[in-house]
Amino acid sequence: MRWAERITAIVLLALCVLWIKLAVDLPFPAFARAAKMGPGHYPIAVAGLLASLAVLLLWQTFRCEKHAASAEDDEEQSRNPQGFRHLIIGFGFFLVYVILVPLIGFVLASMVFVFCFIRLIGQFNYLLSGALALGIPALLWIVFAYLLTVPLPKGPFGF
């Protein structure tokens, strides 16, 4: 297992180097010179964060001690098919969400997605699931559509 984690960390580091090189090569438009922030700054920040996490993963693979609890957790997960089933169903929910967003809009699709996902994975009651299904998309709409003025996909109902 450690070799797979080491290979993953090394591949991630290589991708980060490539990502940073491509971001540095982006043109720096005149309007961005006043703010000293160009189109490459955000990808560089994300790649830097990913690179630091990959270095952390690589460092952890060389630590001498192996926690006994993690070996027991791996063994328990291999005997528990419920986790794998939840993973597959979660990907299915996300696929349906991606299809629904352009059809019914961001807010309604997000409400359906959050409700179904929380009911399945979190196994909360209907009242709490409904409250979270209303609250999370509303919070996302306030942050992105209202405060940041990012246009979100609108459905046939206008929201």
N, C-alpha and C. Protein backbone atom coordinates (compact mmCIF):
# COMPACT_ATOMS: atom_id res chain seq x y z
N MET A 1 0.82 -1.20 0.00
CA MET A 1 0.00 0.00 0.00
C MET A 1 0.85 1.25 0.00
N ARG A 2 2.01 1.19 0.68
CA ARG A 2 2.87 2.37 0.73
C ARG A 2 3.40 2.73 -0.65
N TRP A 3 3.69 1.71 -1.46
CA TRP A 3 4.21 2.02 -2.79
C TRP A 3 3.17 2.73 -3.64
N ALA A 4 1.93 2.33 -3.51
CA ALA A 4 0.87 3.00 -4.27
C ALA A 4 0.73 4.45 -3.83
N GLU A 5 0.84 4.70 -2.52
CA GLU A 5 0.76 6.08 -2.03
C GLU A 5 1.96 6.89 -2.48
N ARG A 6 3.14 6.29 -2.49
CA ARG A 6 4.34 7.00 -2.96
C ARG A 6 4.22 7.35 -4.43
N ILE A 7 3.76 6.40 -5.23
CA ILE A 7 3.60 6.67 -6.67
C ILE A 7 2.56 7.76 -6.89
N THR A 8 1.46 7.71 -6.14
CA THR A 8 0.44 8.74 -6.25
C THR A 8 1.01 10.11 -5.90
N ALA A 9 1.78 10.19 -4.82
CA ALA A 9 2.36 11.47 -4.41
C ALA A 9 3.33 11.99 -5.47
N ILE A 10 4.14 11.13 -6.04
CA ILE A 10 5.11 11.55 -7.05
C ILE A 10 4.40 12.01 -8.32
N VAL A 11 3.36 11.30 -8.72
CA VAL A 11 2.58 11.71 -9.90
C VAL A 11 1.91 13.05 -9.65
N LEU A 12 1.35 13.24 -8.46
CA LEU A 12 0.73 14.52 -8.12
C LEU A 12 1.75 15.65 -8.13
N LEU A 13 2.93 15.41 -7.61
CA LEU A 13 3.98 16.44 -7.64
C LEU A 13 4.37 16.79 -9.07
N ALA A 14 4.49 15.78 -9.93
CA ALA A 14 4.82 16.04 -11.34
C ALA A 14 3.72 16.85 -12.02
N LEU A 15 2.46 16.51 -11.73
CA LEU A 15 1.35 17.29 -12.30
C LEU A 15 1.35 18.73 -11.78
N CYS A 16 1.70 18.91 -10.52
CA CYS A 16 1.76 20.26 -9.95
C CYS A 16 2.83 21.09 -10.63
N VAL A 17 3.99 20.49 -10.88
CA VAL A 17 5.06 21.21 -11.57
C VAL A 17 4.60 21.62 -12.97
N LEU A 18 3.96 20.70 -13.68
CA LEU A 18 3.44 21.03 -15.01
C LEU A 18 2.38 22.11 -14.93
N TRP A 19 1.47 22.01 -13.97
CA TRP A 19 0.39 22.97 -13.79
C TRP A 19 0.95 24.36 -13.50
N ILE A 20 1.94 24.42 -12.62
CA ILE A 20 2.54 25.72 -12.29
C ILE A 20 3.25 26.30 -13.50
N LYS A 21 3.96 25.46 -14.28
CA LYS A 21 4.64 25.96 -15.47
C LYS A 21 3.65 26.52 -16.48
N LEU A 22 2.54 25.82 -16.69
CA LEU A 22 1.52 26.31 -17.61
C LEU A 22 0.86 27.59 -17.10
N ALA A 23 0.66 27.69 -15.80
CA ALA A 23 0.05 28.89 -15.23
C ALA A 23 0.99 30.09 -15.33
N VAL A 24 2.27 29.87 -15.16
CA VAL A 24 3.23 30.97 -15.27
C VAL A 24 3.30 31.47 -16.71
N ASP A 25 3.10 30.59 -17.67
CA ASP A 25 3.15 30.97 -19.08
C ASP A 25 1.90 31.68 -19.58
N LEU A 26 0.85 31.78 -18.75
CA LEU A 26 -0.36 32.48 -19.17
C LEU A 26 -0.05 33.96 -19.40
N PRO A 27 -0.69 34.57 -20.39
CA PRO A 27 -0.43 35.99 -20.62
C PRO A 27 -0.94 36.84 -19.45
N PHE A 28 -0.24 37.92 -19.20
CA PHE A 28 -0.59 38.82 -18.10
C PHE A 28 -1.21 40.07 -18.71
N PRO A 29 -2.55 40.17 -18.75
CA PRO A 29 -3.20 41.30 -19.44
C PRO A 29 -2.94 42.63 -18.74
N ALA A 30 -3.12 43.70 -19.50
CA ALA A 30 -2.84 45.05 -18.98
C ALA A 30 -3.73 45.40 -17.79
N PHE A 31 -5.00 44.99 -17.82
CA PHE A 31 -5.90 45.33 -16.72
C PHE A 31 -5.47 44.66 -15.41
N ALA A 32 -4.76 43.56 -15.50
CA ALA A 32 -4.33 42.85 -14.29
C ALA A 32 -3.07 43.44 -13.69
N ARG A 33 -2.36 44.28 -14.44
CA ARG A 33 -1.10 44.83 -13.92
C ARG A 33 -1.35 45.79 -12.77
N ALA A 34 -2.47 46.50 -12.80
CA ALA A 34 -2.76 47.44 -11.71
C ALA A 34 -3.02 46.70 -10.41
N ALA A 35 -3.70 45.59 -10.49
CA ALA A 35 -4.00 44.80 -9.29
C ALA A 35 -2.88 43.83 -8.95
N LYS A 36 -1.94 43.67 -9.87
CA LYS A 36 -0.83 42.73 -9.71
C LYS A 36 -1.31 41.30 -9.50
N MET A 37 -2.49 41.01 -10.03
CA MET A 37 -3.05 39.66 -9.98
C MET A 37 -3.47 39.27 -11.40
N GLY A 38 -2.85 38.26 -11.92
CA GLY A 38 -3.17 37.82 -13.27
C GLY A 38 -3.92 36.51 -13.26
N PRO A 39 -4.19 36.00 -14.46
CA PRO A 39 -4.97 34.76 -14.55
C PRO A 39 -4.22 33.52 -14.07
N GLY A 40 -2.93 33.62 -13.87
CA GLY A 40 -2.17 32.46 -13.43
C GLY A 40 -2.04 32.34 -11.92
N HIS A 41 -2.42 33.37 -11.18
CA HIS A 41 -2.22 33.34 -9.74
C HIS A 41 -3.09 32.27 -9.05
N TYR A 42 -4.33 32.15 -9.42
CA TYR A 42 -5.19 31.16 -8.77
C TYR A 42 -4.74 29.72 -9.08
N PRO A 43 -4.45 29.38 -10.35
CA PRO A 43 -3.96 28.01 -10.59
C PRO A 43 -2.65 27.71 -9.86
N ILE A 44 -1.80 28.72 -9.72
CA ILE A 44 -0.55 28.50 -9.00
C ILE A 44 -0.83 28.23 -7.53
N ALA A 45 -1.77 28.95 -6.95
CA ALA A 45 -2.11 28.74 -5.54
C ALA A 45 -2.70 27.34 -5.34
N VAL A 46 -3.58 26.91 -6.23
CA VAL A 46 -4.18 25.58 -6.11
C VAL A 46 -3.11 24.50 -6.29
N ALA A 47 -2.23 24.68 -7.27
CA ALA A 47 -1.16 23.71 -7.49
C ALA A 47 -0.20 23.68 -6.31
N GLY A 48 0.07 24.83 -5.72
CA GLY A 48 0.93 24.87 -4.55
C GLY A 48 0.33 24.13 -3.38
N LEU A 49 -0.97 24.31 -3.16
CA LEU A 49 -1.65 23.59 -2.10
C LEU A 49 -1.63 22.08 -2.36
N LEU A 50 -1.92 21.69 -3.59
CA LEU A 50 -1.90 20.27 -3.95
C LEU A 50 -0.50 19.69 -3.79
N ALA A 51 0.52 20.46 -4.18
CA ALA A 51 1.90 19.99 -4.04
C ALA A 51 2.27 19.81 -2.57
N SER A 52 1.84 20.74 -1.72
CA SER A 52 2.15 20.59 -0.30
C SER A 52 1.47 19.35 0.29
N LEU A 53 0.25 19.08 -0.14
CA LEU A 53 -0.44 17.87 0.34
C LEU A 53 0.22 16.60 -0.21
N ALA A 54 0.74 16.66 -1.44
CA ALA A 54 1.45 15.51 -2.01
C ALA A 54 2.76 15.27 -1.27
N VAL A 55 3.46 16.34 -0.90
CA VAL A 55 4.69 16.19 -0.11
C VAL A 55 4.37 15.58 1.26
N LEU A 56 3.29 16.03 1.86
CA LEU A 56 2.87 15.47 3.15
C LEU A 56 2.56 13.97 3.02
N LEU A 57 1.85 13.60 1.96
CA LEU A 57 1.56 12.18 1.72
C LEU A 57 2.85 11.39 1.52
N LEU A 58 3.77 11.94 0.74
CA LEU A 58 5.04 11.26 0.51
C LEU A 58 5.82 11.11 1.81
N TRP A 59 5.83 12.15 2.63
CA TRP A 59 6.54 12.09 3.91
C TRP A 59 5.93 11.02 4.81
N GLN A 60 4.61 10.92 4.82
CA GLN A 60 3.96 9.95 5.69
C GLN A 60 4.25 8.51 5.27
N THR A 61 4.53 8.29 4.00
CA THR A 61 4.84 6.92 3.56
C THR A 61 6.20 6.45 4.04
N PHE A 62 7.09 7.39 4.39
CA PHE A 62 8.42 7.01 4.86
C PHE A 62 8.53 6.97 6.38
N ARG A 63 7.46 7.29 7.07
CA ARG A 63 7.48 7.18 8.53
C ARG A 63 7.57 5.71 8.92
N CYS A 64 8.32 5.44 9.94
CA CYS A 64 8.57 4.04 10.35
C CYS A 64 7.34 3.38 10.94
N GLU A 65 6.61 4.14 11.75
CA GLU A 65 5.50 3.53 12.46
C GLU A 65 4.27 3.41 11.56
N LYS A 66 3.61 2.31 11.69
CA LYS A 66 2.35 2.09 11.00
C LYS A 66 1.31 1.87 12.07
N HIS A 67 0.28 2.68 12.05
CA HIS A 67 -0.75 2.57 13.08
C HIS A 67 -1.51 1.26 12.90
N ALA A 68 -1.68 0.55 13.98
CA ALA A 68 -2.42 -0.71 13.95
C ALA A 68 -3.88 -0.47 13.65
N ALA A 69 -4.39 0.69 14.06
CA ALA A 69 -5.81 0.99 13.82
C ALA A 69 -6.10 1.11 12.35
N SER A 70 -5.16 1.67 11.57
CA SER A 70 -5.43 1.83 10.15
C SER A 70 -5.46 0.47 9.45
N ALA A 71 -4.65 -0.48 9.88
CA ALA A 71 -4.69 -1.82 9.30
C ALA A 71 -6.02 -2.48 9.62
N GLU A 72 -6.51 -2.28 10.84
CA GLU A 72 -7.80 -2.84 11.21
C GLU A 72 -8.92 -2.17 10.42
N ASP A 73 -8.81 -0.86 10.20
CA ASP A 73 -9.83 -0.15 9.43
C ASP A 73 -9.86 -0.64 7.99
N ASP A 74 -8.68 -0.86 7.39
CA ASP A 74 -8.63 -1.37 6.02
C ASP A 74 -9.28 -2.74 5.94
N GLU A 75 -9.01 -3.58 6.93
CA GLU A 75 -9.59 -4.93 6.94
C GLU A 75 -11.11 -4.87 7.11
N GLU A 76 -11.57 -3.95 7.97
CA GLU A 76 -13.01 -3.82 8.20
C GLU A 76 -13.71 -3.29 6.96
N GLN A 77 -13.09 -2.35 6.26
CA GLN A 77 -13.70 -1.80 5.05
C GLN A 77 -13.80 -2.85 3.96
N SER A 78 -12.80 -3.73 3.87
CA SER A 78 -12.88 -4.77 2.84
C SER A 78 -14.00 -5.76 3.13
N ARG A 79 -14.38 -5.91 4.42
CA ARG A 79 -15.48 -6.80 4.76
C ARG A 79 -16.83 -6.11 4.72
N ASN A 80 -16.86 -4.79 4.57
CA ASN A 80 -18.11 -4.03 4.61
C ASN A 80 -18.44 -3.51 3.21
N PRO A 81 -19.30 -4.20 2.48
CA PRO A 81 -19.64 -3.75 1.13
C PRO A 81 -20.55 -2.52 1.12
N GLN A 82 -21.11 -2.13 2.28
CA GLN A 82 -22.02 -0.98 2.34
C GLN A 82 -21.30 0.30 1.93
N GLY A 83 -20.04 0.47 2.34
CA GLY A 83 -19.28 1.66 1.98
C GLY A 83 -19.08 1.77 0.48
N PHE A 84 -18.77 0.66 -0.18
CA PHE A 84 -18.60 0.66 -1.63
C PHE A 84 -19.91 0.96 -2.33
N ARG A 85 -21.00 0.42 -1.81
CA ARG A 85 -22.32 0.68 -2.38
C ARG A 85 -22.67 2.16 -2.27
N HIS A 86 -22.36 2.76 -1.10
CA HIS A 86 -22.62 4.20 -0.93
C HIS A 86 -21.78 5.03 -1.89
N LEU A 87 -20.55 4.60 -2.14
CA LEU A 87 -19.69 5.31 -3.09
C LEU A 87 -20.29 5.29 -4.50
N ILE A 88 -20.73 4.13 -4.94
CA ILE A 88 -21.31 4.01 -6.28
C ILE A 88 -22.61 4.81 -6.38
N ILE A 89 -23.45 4.73 -5.37
CA ILE A 89 -24.71 5.49 -5.38
C ILE A 89 -24.43 6.98 -5.32
N GLY A 90 -23.41 7.39 -4.56
CA GLY A 90 -23.04 8.80 -4.51
C GLY A 90 -22.59 9.32 -5.86
N PHE A 91 -21.79 8.54 -6.59
CA PHE A 91 -21.41 8.94 -7.95
C PHE A 91 -22.63 9.00 -8.87
N GLY A 92 -23.57 8.08 -8.68
CA GLY A 92 -24.80 8.13 -9.46
C GLY A 92 -25.60 9.38 -9.18
N PHE A 93 -25.73 9.74 -7.88
CA PHE A 93 -26.41 11.00 -7.53
C PHE A 93 -25.73 12.19 -8.18
N PHE A 94 -24.40 12.20 -8.16
CA PHE A 94 -23.67 13.33 -8.74
C PHE A 94 -23.88 13.39 -10.24
N LEU A 95 -23.93 12.26 -10.91
CA LEU A 95 -24.18 12.23 -12.35
C LEU A 95 -25.57 12.79 -12.66
N VAL A 96 -26.56 12.38 -11.88
CA VAL A 96 -27.92 12.91 -12.06
C VAL A 96 -27.94 14.41 -11.79
N TYR A 97 -27.20 14.85 -10.78
CA TYR A 97 -27.11 16.28 -10.45
C TYR A 97 -26.54 17.08 -11.62
N VAL A 98 -25.47 16.58 -12.21
CA VAL A 98 -24.84 17.27 -13.35
C VAL A 98 -25.82 17.36 -14.52
N ILE A 99 -26.62 16.35 -14.72
CA ILE A 99 -27.61 16.36 -15.80
C ILE A 99 -28.76 17.32 -15.47
N LEU A 100 -29.17 17.37 -14.19
CA LEU A 100 -30.32 18.19 -13.80
C LEU A 100 -30.02 19.69 -13.74
N VAL A 101 -28.79 20.09 -13.45
CA VAL A 101 -28.48 21.51 -13.27
C VAL A 101 -28.88 22.34 -14.49
N PRO A 102 -28.52 21.96 -15.71
CA PRO A 102 -28.95 22.79 -16.85
C PRO A 102 -30.46 22.73 -17.11
N LEU A 103 -31.10 21.64 -16.68
CA LEU A 103 -32.53 21.48 -16.97
C LEU A 103 -33.42 22.22 -15.97
N ILE A 104 -33.14 22.08 -14.68
CA ILE A 104 -34.02 22.69 -13.68
C ILE A 104 -33.36 23.80 -12.88
N GLY A 105 -32.09 24.06 -13.16
CA GLY A 105 -31.40 25.16 -12.48
C GLY A 105 -30.58 24.69 -11.30
N PHE A 106 -29.65 25.55 -10.89
CA PHE A 106 -28.73 25.21 -9.82
C PHE A 106 -29.43 25.00 -8.49
N VAL A 107 -30.33 25.89 -8.13
CA VAL A 107 -30.94 25.84 -6.80
C VAL A 107 -31.78 24.56 -6.62
N LEU A 108 -32.69 24.29 -7.54
CA LEU A 108 -33.53 23.11 -7.40
C LEU A 108 -32.74 21.81 -7.50
N ALA A 109 -31.79 21.75 -8.44
CA ALA A 109 -30.97 20.54 -8.58
C ALA A 109 -30.13 20.32 -7.33
N SER A 110 -29.63 21.40 -6.75
CA SER A 110 -28.83 21.27 -5.53
C SER A 110 -29.69 20.81 -4.35
N MET A 111 -30.92 21.29 -4.29
CA MET A 111 -31.81 20.85 -3.22
C MET A 111 -32.09 19.36 -3.31
N VAL A 112 -32.37 18.89 -4.51
CA VAL A 112 -32.63 17.45 -4.71
C VAL A 112 -31.39 16.64 -4.38
N PHE A 113 -30.24 17.10 -4.87
CA PHE A 113 -28.99 16.38 -4.65
C PHE A 113 -28.65 16.30 -3.16
N VAL A 114 -28.70 17.42 -2.47
CA VAL A 114 -28.34 17.45 -1.05
C VAL A 114 -29.31 16.57 -0.25
N PHE A 115 -30.60 16.68 -0.53
CA PHE A 115 -31.58 15.87 0.21
C PHE A 115 -31.32 14.38 0.02
N CYS A 116 -31.17 13.95 -1.23
CA CYS A 116 -30.96 12.51 -1.49
C CYS A 116 -29.64 12.03 -0.91
N PHE A 117 -28.60 12.82 -1.06
CA PHE A 117 -27.30 12.42 -0.58
C PHE A 117 -27.27 12.32 0.94
N ILE A 118 -27.86 13.30 1.61
CA ILE A 118 -27.88 13.28 3.08
C ILE A 118 -28.74 12.14 3.60
N ARG A 119 -29.85 11.88 2.94
CA ARG A 119 -30.71 10.77 3.38
C ARG A 119 -29.98 9.44 3.22
N LEU A 120 -29.24 9.27 2.12
CA LEU A 120 -28.57 7.99 1.89
C LEU A 120 -27.34 7.84 2.77
N ILE A 121 -26.41 8.77 2.65
CA ILE A 121 -25.12 8.62 3.32
C ILE A 121 -25.22 8.98 4.80
N GLY A 122 -25.83 10.13 5.10
CA GLY A 122 -25.90 10.56 6.49
C GLY A 122 -26.96 9.86 7.29
N GLN A 123 -27.96 9.35 6.63
CA GLN A 123 -29.08 8.66 7.26
C GLN A 123 -29.74 9.52 8.34
N PHE A 124 -29.91 10.81 8.02
CA PHE A 124 -30.61 11.72 8.92
C PHE A 124 -32.11 11.59 8.69
N ASN A 125 -32.90 12.13 9.61
CA ASN A 125 -34.35 12.07 9.44
C ASN A 125 -34.79 13.06 8.36
N TYR A 126 -36.04 12.95 7.96
CA TYR A 126 -36.54 13.78 6.86
C TYR A 126 -36.52 15.26 7.18
N LEU A 127 -36.82 15.63 8.40
CA LEU A 127 -36.86 17.04 8.77
C LEU A 127 -35.48 17.68 8.67
N LEU A 128 -34.47 17.05 9.25
CA LEU A 128 -33.12 17.59 9.17
C LEU A 128 -32.60 17.57 7.74
N SER A 129 -32.87 16.51 7.01
CA SER A 129 -32.45 16.43 5.60
C SER A 129 -33.09 17.54 4.78
N GLY A 130 -34.39 17.80 5.01
CA GLY A 130 -35.06 18.88 4.29
C GLY A 130 -34.50 20.25 4.65
N ALA A 131 -34.21 20.46 5.94
CA ALA A 131 -33.64 21.74 6.34
C ALA A 131 -32.27 21.96 5.72
N LEU A 132 -31.44 20.94 5.70
CA LEU A 132 -30.13 21.06 5.07
C LEU A 132 -30.24 21.22 3.56
N ALA A 133 -31.22 20.53 2.95
CA ALA A 133 -31.43 20.65 1.51
C ALA A 133 -31.90 22.05 1.12
N LEU A 134 -32.57 22.74 2.02
CA LEU A 134 -32.95 24.13 1.76
C LEU A 134 -31.82 25.10 2.11
N GLY A 135 -31.11 24.83 3.20
CA GLY A 135 -30.11 25.76 3.69
C GLY A 135 -28.82 25.79 2.91
N ILE A 136 -28.30 24.63 2.53
CA ILE A 136 -27.01 24.60 1.83
C ILE A 136 -27.10 25.26 0.46
N PRO A 137 -28.06 24.93 -0.41
CA PRO A 137 -28.14 25.65 -1.68
C PRO A 137 -28.43 27.14 -1.50
N ALA A 138 -29.23 27.49 -0.49
CA ALA A 138 -29.50 28.91 -0.24
C ALA A 138 -28.22 29.65 0.13
N LEU A 139 -27.41 29.04 0.98
CA LEU A 139 -26.14 29.65 1.37
C LEU A 139 -25.21 29.78 0.16
N LEU A 140 -25.14 28.74 -0.66
CA LEU A 140 -24.32 28.80 -1.86
C LEU A 140 -24.82 29.88 -2.82
N TRP A 141 -26.14 30.01 -2.95
CA TRP A 141 -26.69 31.04 -3.83
C TRP A 141 -26.34 32.44 -3.30
N ILE A 142 -26.47 32.63 -1.99
CA ILE A 142 -26.15 33.94 -1.40
C ILE A 142 -24.68 34.29 -1.65
N VAL A 143 -23.80 33.33 -1.42
CA VAL A 143 -22.37 33.61 -1.59
C VAL A 143 -22.03 33.86 -3.05
N PHE A 144 -22.46 32.99 -3.94
CA PHE A 144 -22.01 33.09 -5.32
C PHE A 144 -22.86 34.04 -6.16
N ALA A 145 -24.15 33.89 -6.15
CA ALA A 145 -25.00 34.71 -7.02
C ALA A 145 -25.17 36.13 -6.49
N TYR A 146 -25.34 36.28 -5.19
CA TYR A 146 -25.63 37.60 -4.63
C TYR A 146 -24.35 38.37 -4.29
N LEU A 147 -23.48 37.78 -3.50
CA LEU A 147 -22.29 38.51 -3.06
C LEU A 147 -21.21 38.59 -4.14
N LEU A 148 -20.92 37.48 -4.79
CA LEU A 148 -19.86 37.47 -5.80
C LEU A 148 -20.36 37.73 -7.21
N THR A 149 -21.66 37.81 -7.38
CA THR A 149 -22.33 38.04 -8.68
C THR A 149 -21.85 37.07 -9.77
N VAL A 150 -21.74 35.81 -9.38
CA VAL A 150 -21.41 34.75 -10.33
C VAL A 150 -22.72 34.23 -10.89
N PRO A 151 -22.89 34.24 -12.20
CA PRO A 151 -24.16 33.73 -12.75
C PRO A 151 -24.25 32.20 -12.59
N LEU A 152 -25.31 31.77 -11.95
CA LEU A 152 -25.56 30.34 -11.76
C LEU A 152 -26.62 29.89 -12.75
N PRO A 153 -26.58 28.63 -13.17
CA PRO A 153 -27.60 28.15 -14.12
C PRO A 153 -29.01 28.31 -13.56
N LYS A 154 -29.90 28.90 -14.37
CA LYS A 154 -31.28 29.09 -13.96
C LYS A 154 -32.16 28.09 -14.68
N GLY A 155 -33.15 27.62 -13.97
CA GLY A 155 -34.09 26.67 -14.54
C GLY A 155 -35.30 27.35 -15.13
N PRO A 156 -36.32 26.61 -15.45
CA PRO A 156 -37.52 27.19 -16.05
C PRO A 156 -38.28 28.10 -15.11
N PHE A 157 -38.00 28.02 -13.81
CA PHE A 157 -38.69 28.86 -12.82
C PHE A 157 -37.94 30.15 -12.53
N GLY A 158 -36.78 30.36 -13.15
CA GLY A 158 -36.05 31.60 -12.99
C GLY A 158 -35.06 31.62 -11.86
N PHE A 159 -34.86 30.50 -11.17
CA PHE A 159 -33.84 30.46 -10.11
C PHE A 159 -33.11 29.14 -10.10
